Structures are given as structure tokens and as C-alpha cells.
Amino acid sequence: MTEEGKALTYRRWHQEMELLLISLGLHGTSEPQLIKHFKDVHPDEIKAYLELLLKEDKAQKFLYSRKNYWRATVNILDEAYRK
């Protein structure tokens, strides 16, 4: 796969992750479910992207039943969408 192809695939699953977190609403979902959903992406890449979203305050991480759960914050929406 070309570098451009890799970059497109990378952006595509990032966008899908953001849309998925938005659609899951207040309850979010567990990290294992996210990893299962993105079966073609290495789990470490998924966790790294989730941590980036957390650092950017675009996602929240919380512990429930000994599992990490993730949900979107309003900051995940772009500026144009929030107006």
C-alpha cells in the first residue's frame, strides 16, 4: 500500500471512531467493544487514538465493572457543527 493509501485508511478509521463515539451518546462503550469493532486496526493504535482524543478533551474515559469505557464530549464536534 502506498503512503497516501495508508494515510487515507488512517484518517478513515479515525473519522469512523469519532462518529461512532458521538452516536453512542452519554453511555459510550467499552474499550474491548471498540477494539472488536475496528478489527482491522491494531489494538495499540486504537488505544493511542483514544488517549489522544482524551488529551484533546474530545473524549472521556471512565472505569465501570473493571473495564475502560469511552464516550465523546461536545468538543469532538467541529466548530461549524456546534454553531
PDB file of N, CA and C in Angstrom:
ATOM      1  N   MET A   1       0.846  -1.184   0.000  1.00  0.00           N
ATOM      2  CA  MET A   1       0.000   0.000   0.000  1.00  0.00           C
ATOM      3  C   MET A   1       0.891   1.246   0.000  1.00  0.00           C
ATOM      4  N   THR A   2       0.488   2.227  -0.760  1.00  0.00           N
ATOM      5  CA  THR A   2       1.262   3.464  -0.841  1.00  0.00           C
ATOM      6  C   THR A   2       1.108   4.272   0.446  1.00  0.00           C
ATOM      7  N   GLU A   3       2.000   5.244   0.629  1.00  0.00           N
ATOM      8  CA  GLU A   3       1.911   6.130   1.805  1.00  0.00           C
ATOM      9  C   GLU A   3       0.587   6.888   1.811  1.00  0.00           C
ATOM     10  N   GLU A   4       0.176   7.328   0.622  1.00  0.00           N
ATOM     11  CA  GLU A   4      -1.090   8.054   0.511  1.00  0.00           C
ATOM     12  C   GLU A   4      -2.261   7.149   0.885  1.00  0.00           C
ATOM     13  N   GLY A   5      -2.205   5.909   0.460  1.00  0.00           N
ATOM     14  CA  GLY A   5      -3.246   4.932   0.789  1.00  0.00           C
ATOM     15  C   GLY A   5      -3.317   4.675   2.283  1.00  0.00           C
ATOM     16  N   LYS A   6      -2.149   4.558   2.910  1.00  0.00           N
ATOM     17  CA  LYS A   6      -2.100   4.351   4.362  1.00  0.00           C
ATOM     18  C   LYS A   6      -2.683   5.552   5.092  1.00  0.00           C
ATOM     19  N   ALA A   7      -2.351   6.740   4.631  1.00  0.00           N
ATOM     20  CA  ALA A   7      -2.852   7.966   5.264  1.00  0.00           C
ATOM     21  C   ALA A   7      -4.367   8.044   5.157  1.00  0.00           C
ATOM     22  N   LEU A   8      -4.920   7.686   4.000  1.00  0.00           N
ATOM     23  CA  LEU A   8      -6.370   7.709   3.817  1.00  0.00           C
ATOM     24  C   LEU A   8      -7.064   6.705   4.727  1.00  0.00           C
ATOM     25  N   THR A   9      -6.512   5.506   4.805  1.00  0.00           N
ATOM     26  CA  THR A   9      -7.083   4.482   5.677  1.00  0.00           C
ATOM     27  C   THR A   9      -7.041   4.937   7.124  1.00  0.00           C
ATOM     28  N   TYR A  10      -5.925   5.540   7.517  1.00  0.00           N
ATOM     29  CA  TYR A  10      -5.730   6.049   8.873  1.00  0.00           C
ATOM     30  C   TYR A  10      -6.787   7.098   9.204  1.00  0.00           C
ATOM     31  N   ARG A  11      -6.968   8.069   8.310  1.00  0.00           N
ATOM     32  CA  ARG A  11      -7.963   9.128   8.535  1.00  0.00           C
ATOM     33  C   ARG A  11      -9.372   8.558   8.541  1.00  0.00           C
ATOM     34  N   ARG A  12      -9.627   7.574   7.700  1.00  0.00           N
ATOM     35  CA  ARG A  12     -10.964   6.996   7.598  1.00  0.00           C
ATOM     36  C   ARG A  12     -11.385   6.345   8.911  1.00  0.00           C
ATOM     37  N   TRP A  13     -10.508   5.554   9.533  1.00  0.00           N
ATOM     38  CA  TRP A  13     -10.937   4.902  10.765  1.00  0.00           C
ATOM     39  C   TRP A  13     -10.972   5.890  11.931  1.00  0.00           C
ATOM     40  N   HIS A  14     -10.153   6.935  11.885  1.00  0.00           N
ATOM     41  CA  HIS A  14     -10.229   7.980  12.913  1.00  0.00           C
ATOM     42  C   HIS A  14     -11.586   8.671  12.846  1.00  0.00           C
ATOM     43  N   GLN A  15     -12.005   9.007  11.637  1.00  0.00           N
ATOM     44  CA  GLN A  15     -13.301   9.657  11.469  1.00  0.00           C
ATOM     45  C   GLN A  15     -14.423   8.717  11.899  1.00  0.00           C
ATOM     46  N   GLU A  16     -14.324   7.458  11.535  1.00  0.00           N
ATOM     47  CA  GLU A  16     -15.327   6.473  11.932  1.00  0.00           C
ATOM     48  C   GLU A  16     -15.385   6.345  13.452  1.00  0.00           C
ATOM     49  N   MET A  17     -14.227   6.372  14.105  1.00  0.00           N
ATOM     50  CA  MET A  17     -14.176   6.285  15.572  1.00  0.00           C
ATOM     51  C   MET A  17     -14.919   7.465  16.196  1.00  0.00           C
ATOM     52  N   GLU A  18     -14.656   8.664  15.691  1.00  0.00           N
ATOM     53  CA  GLU A  18     -15.312   9.857  16.230  1.00  0.00           C
ATOM     54  C   GLU A  18     -16.821   9.780  16.038  1.00  0.00           C
ATOM     55  N   LEU A  19     -17.266   9.399  14.847  1.00  0.00           N
ATOM     56  CA  LEU A  19     -18.699   9.292  14.578  1.00  0.00           C
ATOM     57  C   LEU A  19     -19.348   8.211  15.443  1.00  0.00           C
ATOM     58  N   LEU A  20     -18.644   7.117  15.651  1.00  0.00           N
ATOM     59  CA  LEU A  20     -19.158   6.048  16.499  1.00  0.00           C
ATOM     60  C   LEU A  20     -19.325   6.531  17.941  1.00  0.00           C
ATOM     61  N   LEU A  21     -18.310   7.198  18.471  1.00  0.00           N
ATOM     62  CA  LEU A  21     -18.401   7.713  19.841  1.00  0.00           C
ATOM     63  C   LEU A  21     -19.550   8.710  19.982  1.00  0.00           C
ATOM     64  N   ILE A  22     -19.734   9.559  18.975  1.00  0.00           N
ATOM     65  CA  ILE A  22     -20.846  10.516  19.002  1.00  0.00           C
ATOM     66  C   ILE A  22     -22.178   9.767  19.017  1.00  0.00           C
ATOM     67  N   SER A  23     -22.302   8.774  18.158  1.00  0.00           N
ATOM     68  CA  SER A  23     -23.573   8.047  18.042  1.00  0.00           C
ATOM     69  C   SER A  23     -23.908   7.240  19.293  1.00  0.00           C
ATOM     70  N   LEU A  24     -22.907   6.860  20.064  1.00  0.00           N
ATOM     71  CA  LEU A  24     -23.142   6.055  21.267  1.00  0.00           C
ATOM     72  C   LEU A  24     -23.653   6.893  22.439  1.00  0.00           C
ATOM     73  N   GLY A  25     -23.561   8.198  22.307  1.00  0.00           N
ATOM     74  CA  GLY A  25     -24.159   9.088  23.295  1.00  0.00           C
ATOM     75  C   GLY A  25     -23.533   9.044  24.668  1.00  0.00           C
ATOM     76  N   LEU A  26     -24.348   9.341  25.654  1.00  0.00           N
ATOM     77  CA  LEU A  26     -23.913   9.507  27.034  1.00  0.00           C
ATOM     78  C   LEU A  26     -23.269   8.252  27.623  1.00  0.00           C
ATOM     79  N   HIS A  27     -23.784   7.095  27.278  1.00  0.00           N
ATOM     80  CA  HIS A  27     -23.288   5.849  27.871  1.00  0.00           C
ATOM     81  C   HIS A  27     -21.959   5.388  27.286  1.00  0.00           C
ATOM     82  N   GLY A  28     -21.688   5.755  26.050  1.00  0.00           N
ATOM     83  CA  GLY A  28     -20.440   5.338  25.428  1.00  0.00           C
ATOM     84  C   GLY A  28     -20.389   3.838  25.250  1.00  0.00           C
ATOM     85  N   THR A  29     -19.175   3.307  25.215  1.00  0.00           N
ATOM     86  CA  THR A  29     -18.992   1.863  25.071  1.00  0.00           C
ATOM     87  C   THR A  29     -17.663   1.454  25.672  1.00  0.00           C
ATOM     88  N   SER A  30     -17.506   0.167  25.855  1.00  0.00           N
ATOM     89  CA  SER A  30     -16.278  -0.339  26.471  1.00  0.00           C
ATOM     90  C   SER A  30     -15.142  -0.387  25.456  1.00  0.00           C
ATOM     91  N   GLU A  31     -13.932  -0.311  25.979  1.00  0.00           N
ATOM     92  CA  GLU A  31     -12.749  -0.386  25.125  1.00  0.00           C
ATOM     93  C   GLU A  31     -12.703  -1.706  24.350  1.00  0.00           C
ATOM     94  N   PRO A  32     -13.004  -2.851  25.001  1.00  0.00           N
ATOM     95  CA  PRO A  32     -12.997  -4.103  24.224  1.00  0.00           C
ATOM     96  C   PRO A  32     -13.988  -4.091  23.051  1.00  0.00           C
ATOM     97  N   GLN A  33     -15.127  -3.436  23.218  1.00  0.00           N
ATOM     98  CA  GLN A  33     -16.089  -3.344  22.118  1.00  0.00           C
ATOM     99  C   GLN A  33     -15.548  -2.491  20.978  1.00  0.00           C
ATOM    100  N   LEU A  34     -14.850  -1.409  21.317  1.00  0.00           N
ATOM    101  CA  LEU A  34     -14.249  -0.574  20.275  1.00  0.00           C
ATOM    102  C   LEU A  34     -13.175  -1.350  19.516  1.00  0.00           C
ATOM    103  N   ILE A  35     -12.366  -2.097  20.243  1.00  0.00           N
ATOM    104  CA  ILE A  35     -11.312  -2.900  19.614  1.00  0.00           C
ATOM    105  C   ILE A  35     -11.935  -3.957  18.702  1.00  0.00           C
ATOM    106  N   LYS A  36     -13.022  -4.562  19.150  1.00  0.00           N
ATOM    107  CA  LYS A  36     -13.717  -5.563  18.345  1.00  0.00           C
ATOM    108  C   LYS A  36     -14.304  -4.935  17.074  1.00  0.00           C
ATOM    109  N   HIS A  37     -14.841  -3.731  17.207  1.00  0.00           N
ATOM    110  CA  HIS A  37     -15.441  -3.034  16.062  1.00  0.00           C
ATOM    111  C   HIS A  37     -14.395  -2.730  14.982  1.00  0.00           C
ATOM    112  N   PHE A  38     -13.212  -2.311  15.407  1.00  0.00           N
ATOM    113  CA  PHE A  38     -12.136  -1.969  14.470  1.00  0.00           C
ATOM    114  C   PHE A  38     -11.143  -3.137  14.373  1.00  0.00           C
ATOM    115  N   LYS A  39     -11.644  -4.272  13.946  1.00  0.00           N
ATOM    116  CA  LYS A  39     -10.841  -5.499  13.938  1.00  0.00           C
ATOM    117  C   LYS A  39      -9.626  -5.454  13.015  1.00  0.00           C
ATOM    118  N   ASP A  40      -9.642  -4.560  12.021  1.00  0.00           N
ATOM    119  CA  ASP A  40      -8.511  -4.453  11.098  1.00  0.00           C
ATOM    120  C   ASP A  40      -7.431  -3.492  11.574  1.00  0.00           C
ATOM    121  N   VAL A  41      -7.654  -2.861  12.734  1.00  0.00           N
ATOM    122  CA  VAL A  41      -6.703  -1.892  13.280  1.00  0.00           C
ATOM    123  C   VAL A  41      -6.073  -2.498  14.529  1.00  0.00           C
ATOM    124  N   HIS A  42      -4.771  -2.349  14.669  1.00  0.00           N
ATOM    125  CA  HIS A  42      -4.067  -2.901  15.831  1.00  0.00           C
ATOM    126  C   HIS A  42      -4.611  -2.262  17.120  1.00  0.00           C
ATOM    127  N   PRO A  43      -4.879  -3.062  18.147  1.00  0.00           N
ATOM    128  CA  PRO A  43      -5.423  -2.528  19.408  1.00  0.00           C
ATOM    129  C   PRO A  43      -4.606  -1.382  20.010  1.00  0.00           C
ATOM    130  N   ASP A  44      -3.283  -1.426  19.868  1.00  0.00           N
ATOM    131  CA  ASP A  44      -2.445  -0.345  20.407  1.00  0.00           C
ATOM    132  C   ASP A  44      -2.717   0.978  19.686  1.00  0.00           C
ATOM    133  N   GLU A  45      -2.989   0.902  18.376  1.00  0.00           N
ATOM    134  CA  GLU A  45      -3.314   2.116  17.619  1.00  0.00           C
ATOM    135  C   GLU A  45      -4.652   2.686  18.082  1.00  0.00           C
ATOM    136  N   ILE A  46      -5.605   1.821  18.334  1.00  0.00           N
ATOM    137  CA  ILE A  46      -6.920   2.255  18.808  1.00  0.00           C
ATOM    138  C   ILE A  46      -6.782   2.939  20.161  1.00  0.00           C
ATOM    139  N   LYS A  47      -6.064   2.298  21.072  1.00  0.00           N
ATOM    140  CA  LYS A  47      -5.869   2.877  22.411  1.00  0.00           C
ATOM    141  C   LYS A  47      -5.128   4.209  22.335  1.00  0.00           C
ATOM    142  N   ALA A  48      -4.135   4.298  21.471  1.00  0.00           N
ATOM    143  CA  ALA A  48      -3.374   5.538  21.329  1.00  0.00           C
ATOM    144  C   ALA A  48      -4.270   6.661  20.808  1.00  0.00           C
ATOM    145  N   TYR A  49      -5.130   6.346  19.844  1.00  0.00           N
ATOM    146  CA  TYR A  49      -6.011   7.383  19.311  1.00  0.00           C
ATOM    147  C   TYR A  49      -7.039   7.811  20.359  1.00  0.00           C
ATOM    148  N   LEU A  50      -7.556   6.865  21.122  1.00  0.00           N
ATOM    149  CA  LEU A  50      -8.498   7.210  22.190  1.00  0.00           C
ATOM    150  C   LEU A  50      -7.827   8.109  23.234  1.00  0.00           C
ATOM    151  N   GLU A  51      -6.585   7.797  23.572  1.00  0.00           N
ATOM    152  CA  GLU A  51      -5.853   8.629  24.539  1.00  0.00           C
ATOM    153  C   GLU A  51      -5.602  10.029  23.979  1.00  0.00           C
ATOM    154  N   LEU A  52      -5.374  10.128  22.669  1.00  0.00           N
ATOM    155  CA  LEU A  52      -5.211  11.434  22.033  1.00  0.00           C
ATOM    156  C   LEU A  52      -6.515  12.232  22.136  1.00  0.00           C
ATOM    157  N   LEU A  53      -7.640  11.571  21.868  1.00  0.00           N
ATOM    158  CA  LEU A  53      -8.938  12.240  21.999  1.00  0.00           C
ATOM    159  C   LEU A  53      -9.171  12.691  23.436  1.00  0.00           C
ATOM    160  N   LEU A  54      -8.739  11.882  24.382  1.00  0.00           N
ATOM    161  CA  LEU A  54      -8.856  12.239  25.798  1.00  0.00           C
ATOM    162  C   LEU A  54      -8.021  13.474  26.109  1.00  0.00           C
ATOM    163  N   LYS A  55      -6.791  13.484  25.634  1.00  0.00           N
ATOM    164  CA  LYS A  55      -5.888  14.611  25.862  1.00  0.00           C
ATOM    165  C   LYS A  55      -6.428  15.904  25.248  1.00  0.00           C
ATOM    166  N   GLU A  56      -7.097  15.779  24.099  1.00  0.00           N
ATOM    167  CA  GLU A  56      -7.677  16.935  23.417  1.00  0.00           C
ATOM    168  C   GLU A  56      -9.063  17.294  23.969  1.00  0.00           C
ATOM    169  N   ASP A  57      -9.495  16.596  25.018  1.00  0.00           N
ATOM    170  CA  ASP A  57     -10.807  16.787  25.641  1.00  0.00           C
ATOM    171  C   ASP A  57     -11.945  16.551  24.650  1.00  0.00           C
ATOM    172  N   LYS A  58     -11.731  15.603  23.747  1.00  0.00           N
ATOM    173  CA  LYS A  58     -12.770  15.240  22.788  1.00  0.00           C
ATOM    174  C   LYS A  58     -13.463  13.941  23.198  1.00  0.00           C
ATOM    175  N   ALA A  59     -12.909  13.276  24.204  1.00  0.00           N
ATOM    176  CA  ALA A  59     -13.492  12.040  24.711  1.00  0.00           C
ATOM    177  C   ALA A  59     -13.253  11.961  26.210  1.00  0.00           C
ATOM    178  N   GLN A  60     -14.090  11.169  26.856  1.00  0.00           N
ATOM    179  CA  GLN A  60     -13.920  10.902  28.287  1.00  0.00           C
ATOM    180  C   GLN A  60     -13.701   9.409  28.475  1.00  0.00           C
ATOM    181  N   LYS A  61     -12.887   9.094  29.456  1.00  0.00           N
ATOM    182  CA  LYS A  61     -12.572   7.713  29.783  1.00  0.00           C
ATOM    183  C   LYS A  61     -13.004   7.489  31.223  1.00  0.00           C
ATOM    184  N   PHE A  62     -13.728   6.410  31.466  1.00  0.00           N
ATOM    185  CA  PHE A  62     -14.112   6.103  32.834  1.00  0.00           C
ATOM    186  C   PHE A  62     -14.124   4.600  33.040  1.00  0.00           C
ATOM    187  N   LEU A  63     -13.971   4.200  34.275  1.00  0.00           N
ATOM    188  CA  LEU A  63     -13.897   2.793  34.643  1.00  0.00           C
ATOM    189  C   LEU A  63     -15.257   2.335  35.156  1.00  0.00           C
ATOM    190  N   TYR A  64     -15.749   1.253  34.612  1.00  0.00           N
ATOM    191  CA  TYR A  64     -17.018   0.682  35.037  1.00  0.00           C
ATOM    192  C   TYR A  64     -16.897  -0.835  34.925  1.00  0.00           C
ATOM    193  N   SER A  65     -17.194  -1.539  35.993  1.00  0.00           N
ATOM    194  CA  SER A  65     -17.082  -3.007  36.015  1.00  0.00           C
ATOM    195  C   SER A  65     -15.706  -3.482  35.538  1.00  0.00           C
ATOM    196  N   ARG A  66     -14.682  -2.809  35.993  1.00  0.00           N
ATOM    197  CA  ARG A  66     -13.283  -3.132  35.698  1.00  0.00           C
ATOM    198  C   ARG A  66     -12.923  -3.038  34.213  1.00  0.00           C
ATOM    199  N   LYS A  67     -13.702  -2.301  33.453  1.00  0.00           N
ATOM    200  CA  LYS A  67     -13.405  -2.058  32.035  1.00  0.00           C
ATOM    201  C   LYS A  67     -13.360  -0.559  31.803  1.00  0.00           C
ATOM    202  N   ASN A  68     -12.492  -0.148  30.893  1.00  0.00           N
ATOM    203  CA  ASN A  68     -12.476   1.250  30.472  1.00  0.00           C
ATOM    204  C   ASN A  68     -13.618   1.480  29.494  1.00  0.00           C
ATOM    205  N   TYR A  69     -14.366   2.525  29.744  1.00  0.00           N
ATOM    206  CA  TYR A  69     -15.434   2.946  28.844  1.00  0.00           C
ATOM    207  C   TYR A  69     -15.061   4.297  28.259  1.00  0.00           C
ATOM    208  N   TRP A  70     -15.514   4.547  27.051  1.00  0.00           N
ATOM    209  CA  TRP A  70     -15.214   5.782  26.343  1.00  0.00           C
ATOM    210  C   TRP A  70     -16.498   6.397  25.835  1.00  0.00           C
ATOM    211  N   ARG A  71     -16.558   7.740  25.901  1.00  0.00           N
ATOM    212  CA  ARG A  71     -17.672   8.473  25.300  1.00  0.00           C
ATOM    213  C   ARG A  71     -17.147   9.804  24.779  1.00  0.00           C
ATOM    214  N   ALA A  72     -17.871  10.350  23.822  1.00  0.00           N
ATOM    215  CA  ALA A  72     -17.485  11.622  23.212  1.00  0.00           C
ATOM    216  C   ALA A  72     -17.883  12.787  24.119  1.00  0.00           C
ATOM    217  N   THR A  73     -17.175  13.893  23.998  1.00  0.00           N
ATOM    218  CA  THR A  73     -17.584  15.145  24.621  1.00  0.00           C
ATOM    219  C   THR A  73     -18.046  16.078  23.497  1.00  0.00           C
ATOM    220  N   VAL A  74     -18.645  17.199  23.856  1.00  0.00           N
ATOM    221  CA  VAL A  74     -19.089  18.142  22.810  1.00  0.00           C
ATOM    222  C   VAL A  74     -17.913  18.676  22.019  1.00  0.00           C
ATOM    223  N   ASN A  75     -16.711  18.623  22.574  1.00  0.00           N
ATOM    224  CA  ASN A  75     -15.520  19.130  21.884  1.00  0.00           C
ATOM    225  C   ASN A  75     -15.132  18.295  20.668  1.00  0.00           C
ATOM    226  N   ILE A  76     -15.691  17.100  20.546  1.00  0.00           N
ATOM    227  CA  ILE A  76     -15.372  16.257  19.396  1.00  0.00           C
ATOM    228  C   ILE A  76     -16.007  16.818  18.120  1.00  0.00           C
ATOM    229  N   LEU A  77     -17.081  17.589  18.292  1.00  0.00           N
ATOM    230  CA  LEU A  77     -17.746  18.197  17.151  1.00  0.00           C
ATOM    231  C   LEU A  77     -16.942  19.378  16.667  1.00  0.00           C
ATOM    232  N   ASP A  78     -16.851  19.541  15.360  1.00  0.00           N
ATOM    233  CA  ASP A  78     -16.095  20.682  14.850  1.00  0.00           C
ATOM    234  C   ASP A  78     -16.865  21.976  15.101  1.00  0.00           C
ATOM    235  N   GLU A  79     -16.178  23.072  15.000  1.00  0.00           N
ATOM    236  CA  GLU A  79     -16.744  24.389  15.321  1.00  0.00           C
ATOM    237  C   GLU A  79     -17.984  24.700  14.487  1.00  0.00           C
ATOM    238  N   ALA A  80     -17.975  24.393  13.210  1.00  0.00           N
ATOM    239  CA  ALA A  80     -19.100  24.689  12.343  1.00  0.00           C
ATOM    240  C   ALA A  80     -20.347  23.933  12.785  1.00  0.00           C
ATOM    241  N   TYR A  81     -20.165  22.701  13.228  1.00  0.00           N
ATOM    242  CA  TYR A  81     -21.292  21.860  13.635  1.00  0.00           C
ATOM    243  C   TYR A  81     -21.924  22.371  14.918  1.00  0.00           C
ATOM    244  N   ARG A  82     -21.103  22.912  15.830  1.00  0.00           N
ATOM    245  CA  ARG A  82     -21.610  23.355  17.127  1.00  0.00           C
ATOM    246  C   ARG A  82     -22.367  24.672  17.074  1.00  0.00           C
ATOM    247  N   LYS A  83     -22.253  25.416  15.984  1.00  0.00           N
ATOM    248  CA  LYS A  83     -22.906  26.739  15.901  1.00  0.00           C
ATOM    249  C   LYS A  83     -24.377  26.603  15.599  1.00  0.00           C
TER     250      LYS A  83
END
